[in-house]
C-alpha atoms as a PDB file:
ATOM      1  CA  UNK A   1     -13.319  47.538 -52.870  1.00  0.00           C
ATOM      2  CA  UNK A   2     -10.334  49.037 -51.532  1.00  0.00           C
ATOM      3  CA  UNK A   3     -10.829  51.881 -48.868  1.00  0.00           C
ATOM      4  CA  UNK A   4      -8.023  54.267 -48.682  1.00  0.00           C
ATOM      5  CA  UNK A   5      -7.777  56.905 -45.622  1.00  0.00           C
ATOM      6  CA  UNK A   6      -5.404  59.889 -45.732  1.00  0.00           C
ATOM      7  CA  UNK A   7      -3.413  60.981 -42.627  1.00  0.00           C
ATOM      8  CA  UNK A   8      -5.557  64.164 -42.061  1.00  0.00           C
ATOM      9  CA  UNK A   9      -8.773  61.969 -42.375  1.00  0.00           C
ATOM     10  CA  UNK A  10      -7.481  59.260 -40.027  1.00  0.00           C
ATOM     11  CA  UNK A  11      -6.693  62.134 -37.376  1.00  0.00           C
ATOM     12  CA  UNK A  12     -10.067  63.598 -37.403  1.00  0.00           C
ATOM     13  CA  UNK A  13     -11.979  60.033 -37.726  1.00  0.00           C
ATOM     14  CA  UNK A  14     -10.073  58.898 -34.521  1.00  0.00           C
ATOM     15  CA  UNK A  15     -10.833  62.437 -32.974  1.00  0.00           C
ATOM     16  CA  UNK A  16     -14.618  61.760 -33.365  1.00  0.00           C
ATOM     17  CA  UNK A  17     -14.783  58.256 -32.121  1.00  0.00           C
ATOM     18  CA  UNK A  18     -13.172  56.020 -34.568  1.00  0.00           C
ATOM     19  CA  UNK A  19     -15.826  55.259 -36.991  1.00  0.00           C
ATOM     20  CA  UNK A  20     -17.296  56.670 -40.178  1.00  0.00           C
ATOM     21  CA  UNK A  21     -20.531  55.941 -41.735  1.00  0.00           C
ATOM     22  CA  UNK A  22     -20.697  56.338 -45.720  1.00  0.00           C
ATOM     23  CA  UNK A  23     -23.883  56.345 -47.756  1.00  0.00           C
ATOM     24  CA  UNK A  24     -25.148  57.452 -51.014  1.00  0.00           C
ATOM     25  CA  UNK A  25     -27.109  60.719 -51.496  1.00  0.00           C
ATOM     26  CA  UNK A  26     -29.041  61.727 -54.797  1.00  0.00           C
ATOM     27  CA  UNK A  27     -29.348  65.461 -55.128  1.00  0.00           C
ATOM     28  CA  UNK A  28     -32.783  67.026 -55.949  1.00  0.00           C
ATOM     29  CA  UNK A  29     -31.102  69.491 -58.475  1.00  0.00           C
ATOM     30  CA  UNK A  30     -28.304  68.801 -60.859  1.00  0.00           C
ATOM     31  CA  UNK A  31     -30.045  66.201 -62.735  1.00  0.00           C
ATOM     32  CA  UNK A  32     -30.270  64.038 -59.705  1.00  0.00           C
ATOM     33  CA  UNK A  33     -26.496  63.523 -59.382  1.00  0.00           C
ATOM     34  CA  UNK A  34     -25.326  60.964 -56.691  1.00  0.00           C
ATOM     35  CA  UNK A  35     -22.443  61.610 -54.225  1.00  0.00           C
ATOM     36  CA  UNK A  36     -21.051  59.797 -51.157  1.00  0.00           C
ATOM     37  CA  UNK A  37     -21.812  61.302 -47.770  1.00  0.00           C
ATOM     38  CA  UNK A  38     -19.391  60.741 -44.803  1.00  0.00           C
ATOM     39  CA  UNK A  39     -20.492  61.074 -41.224  1.00  0.00           C
ATOM     40  CA  UNK A  40     -19.016  59.946 -37.845  1.00  0.00           C
ATOM     41  CA  UNK A  41     -22.813  59.632 -36.514  1.00  0.00           C
ATOM     42  CA  UNK A  42     -24.586  56.247 -36.689  1.00  0.00           C
ATOM     43  CA  UNK A  43     -27.836  56.576 -38.823  1.00  0.00           C
ATOM     44  CA  UNK A  44     -31.202  56.173 -37.699  1.00  0.00           C
ATOM     45  CA  UNK A  45     -31.315  52.781 -39.356  1.00  0.00           C
ATOM     46  CA  UNK A  46     -28.055  51.199 -39.370  1.00  0.00           C
ATOM     47  CA  UNK A  47     -29.215  47.977 -41.291  1.00  0.00           C
ATOM     48  CA  UNK A  48     -27.542  47.237 -44.399  1.00  0.00           C
ATOM     49  CA  UNK A  49     -24.163  48.729 -43.890  1.00  0.00           C
ATOM     50  CA  UNK A  50     -20.816  46.520 -44.743  1.00  0.00           C
ATOM     51  CA  UNK A  51     -18.129  46.951 -42.066  1.00  0.00           C
ATOM     52  CA  UNK A  52     -14.487  47.589 -42.988  1.00  0.00           C
ATOM     53  CA  UNK A  53     -11.701  47.879 -40.488  1.00  0.00           C
ATOM     54  CA  UNK A  54      -8.771  50.164 -41.821  1.00  0.00           C
ATOM     55  CA  UNK A  55      -5.886  50.848 -39.767  1.00  0.00           C
ATOM     56  CA  UNK A  56      -7.712  50.580 -36.699  1.00  0.00           C
ATOM     57  CA  UNK A  57     -10.759  52.592 -37.661  1.00  0.00           C
ATOM     58  CA  UNK A  58     -14.021  51.278 -38.667  1.00  0.00           C
ATOM     59  CA  UNK A  59     -15.613  52.369 -41.945  1.00  0.00           C
ATOM     60  CA  UNK A  60     -19.156  51.428 -42.576  1.00  0.00           C
ATOM     61  CA  UNK A  61     -20.390  51.510 -46.130  1.00  0.00           C
ATOM     62  CA  UNK A  62     -23.891  51.178 -47.638  1.00  0.00           C
ATOM     63  CA  UNK A  63     -24.295  51.505 -51.325  1.00  0.00           C
ATOM     64  CA  UNK A  64     -27.506  49.897 -52.015  1.00  0.00           C
ATOM     65  CA  UNK A  65     -27.755  47.887 -55.039  1.00  0.00           C
ATOM     66  CA  UNK A  66     -24.785  49.893 -56.853  1.00  0.00           C
ATOM     67  CA  UNK A  67     -21.690  47.779 -57.878  1.00  0.00           C
ATOM     68  CA  UNK A  68     -18.983  48.975 -55.612  1.00  0.00           C
ATOM     69  CA  UNK A  69     -16.051  51.194 -56.814  1.00  0.00           C
ATOM     70  CA  UNK A  70     -12.641  50.144 -57.088  1.00  0.00           C
ATOM     71  CA  UNK A  71     -11.531  52.524 -54.218  1.00  0.00           C
ATOM     72  CA  UNK A  72     -13.300  54.803 -51.817  1.00  0.00           C
ATOM     73  CA  UNK A  73     -10.835  57.510 -50.877  1.00  0.00           C
ATOM     74  CA  UNK A  74     -11.446  59.315 -47.271  1.00  0.00           C
ATOM     75  CA  UNK A  75      -9.791  62.618 -46.991  1.00  0.00           C
ATOM     76  CA  UNK A  76     -10.395  66.113 -45.172  1.00  0.00           C
ATOM     77  CA  UNK A  77     -11.132  68.875 -47.545  1.00  0.00           C
ATOM     78  CA  UNK A  78     -12.850  72.267 -47.994  1.00  0.00           C
ATOM     79  CA  UNK A  79     -12.409  75.578 -46.616  1.00  0.00           C
ATOM     80  CA  UNK A  80     -13.929  74.550 -43.288  1.00  0.00           C
ATOM     81  CA  UNK A  81     -12.119  70.972 -43.366  1.00  0.00           C
ATOM     82  CA  UNK A  82     -14.513  68.046 -42.934  1.00  0.00           C
ATOM     83  CA  UNK A  83     -14.267  64.553 -43.832  1.00  0.00           C
ATOM     84  CA  UNK A  84     -15.517  63.593 -47.361  1.00  0.00           C
ATOM     85  CA  UNK A  85     -15.433  60.245 -49.299  1.00  0.00           C
ATOM     86  CA  UNK A  86     -14.702  59.982 -53.172  1.00  0.00           C
ATOM     87  CA  UNK A  87     -15.787  57.182 -55.408  1.00  0.00           C
ATOM     88  CA  UNK A  88     -12.961  56.160 -57.659  1.00  0.00           C
ATOM     89  CA  UNK A  89     -11.373  59.652 -56.919  1.00  0.00           C
ATOM     90  CA  UNK A  90     -14.581  61.580 -57.683  1.00  0.00           C
ATOM     91  CA  UNK A  91     -16.891  63.451 -55.696  1.00  0.00           C
ATOM     92  CA  UNK A  92     -19.963  62.592 -57.859  1.00  0.00           C
ATOM     93  CA  UNK A  93     -20.775  58.830 -58.159  1.00  0.00           C
ATOM     94  CA  UNK A  94     -20.936  57.720 -62.010  1.00  0.00           C
END
């Protein structure tokens, strides 16, 4: 699995401590669609995360039993910019 961090995401992640936690979240609506959630905050139970160091920042990824994607893209998007993670370029996990 390759982790790609854009320049804008790199700047935001380093500004908030230099680490990012990525987990899966299943929606209660939309047929139970699953997406990636990116947060600089350490989760209450940090067990089971795989650690990846990318250009000096640490990315912790927890995908459960799912096969990993070829690529996780980390970027800053949105009207109120925030760090988001994309599974093989998609917001929703296939």
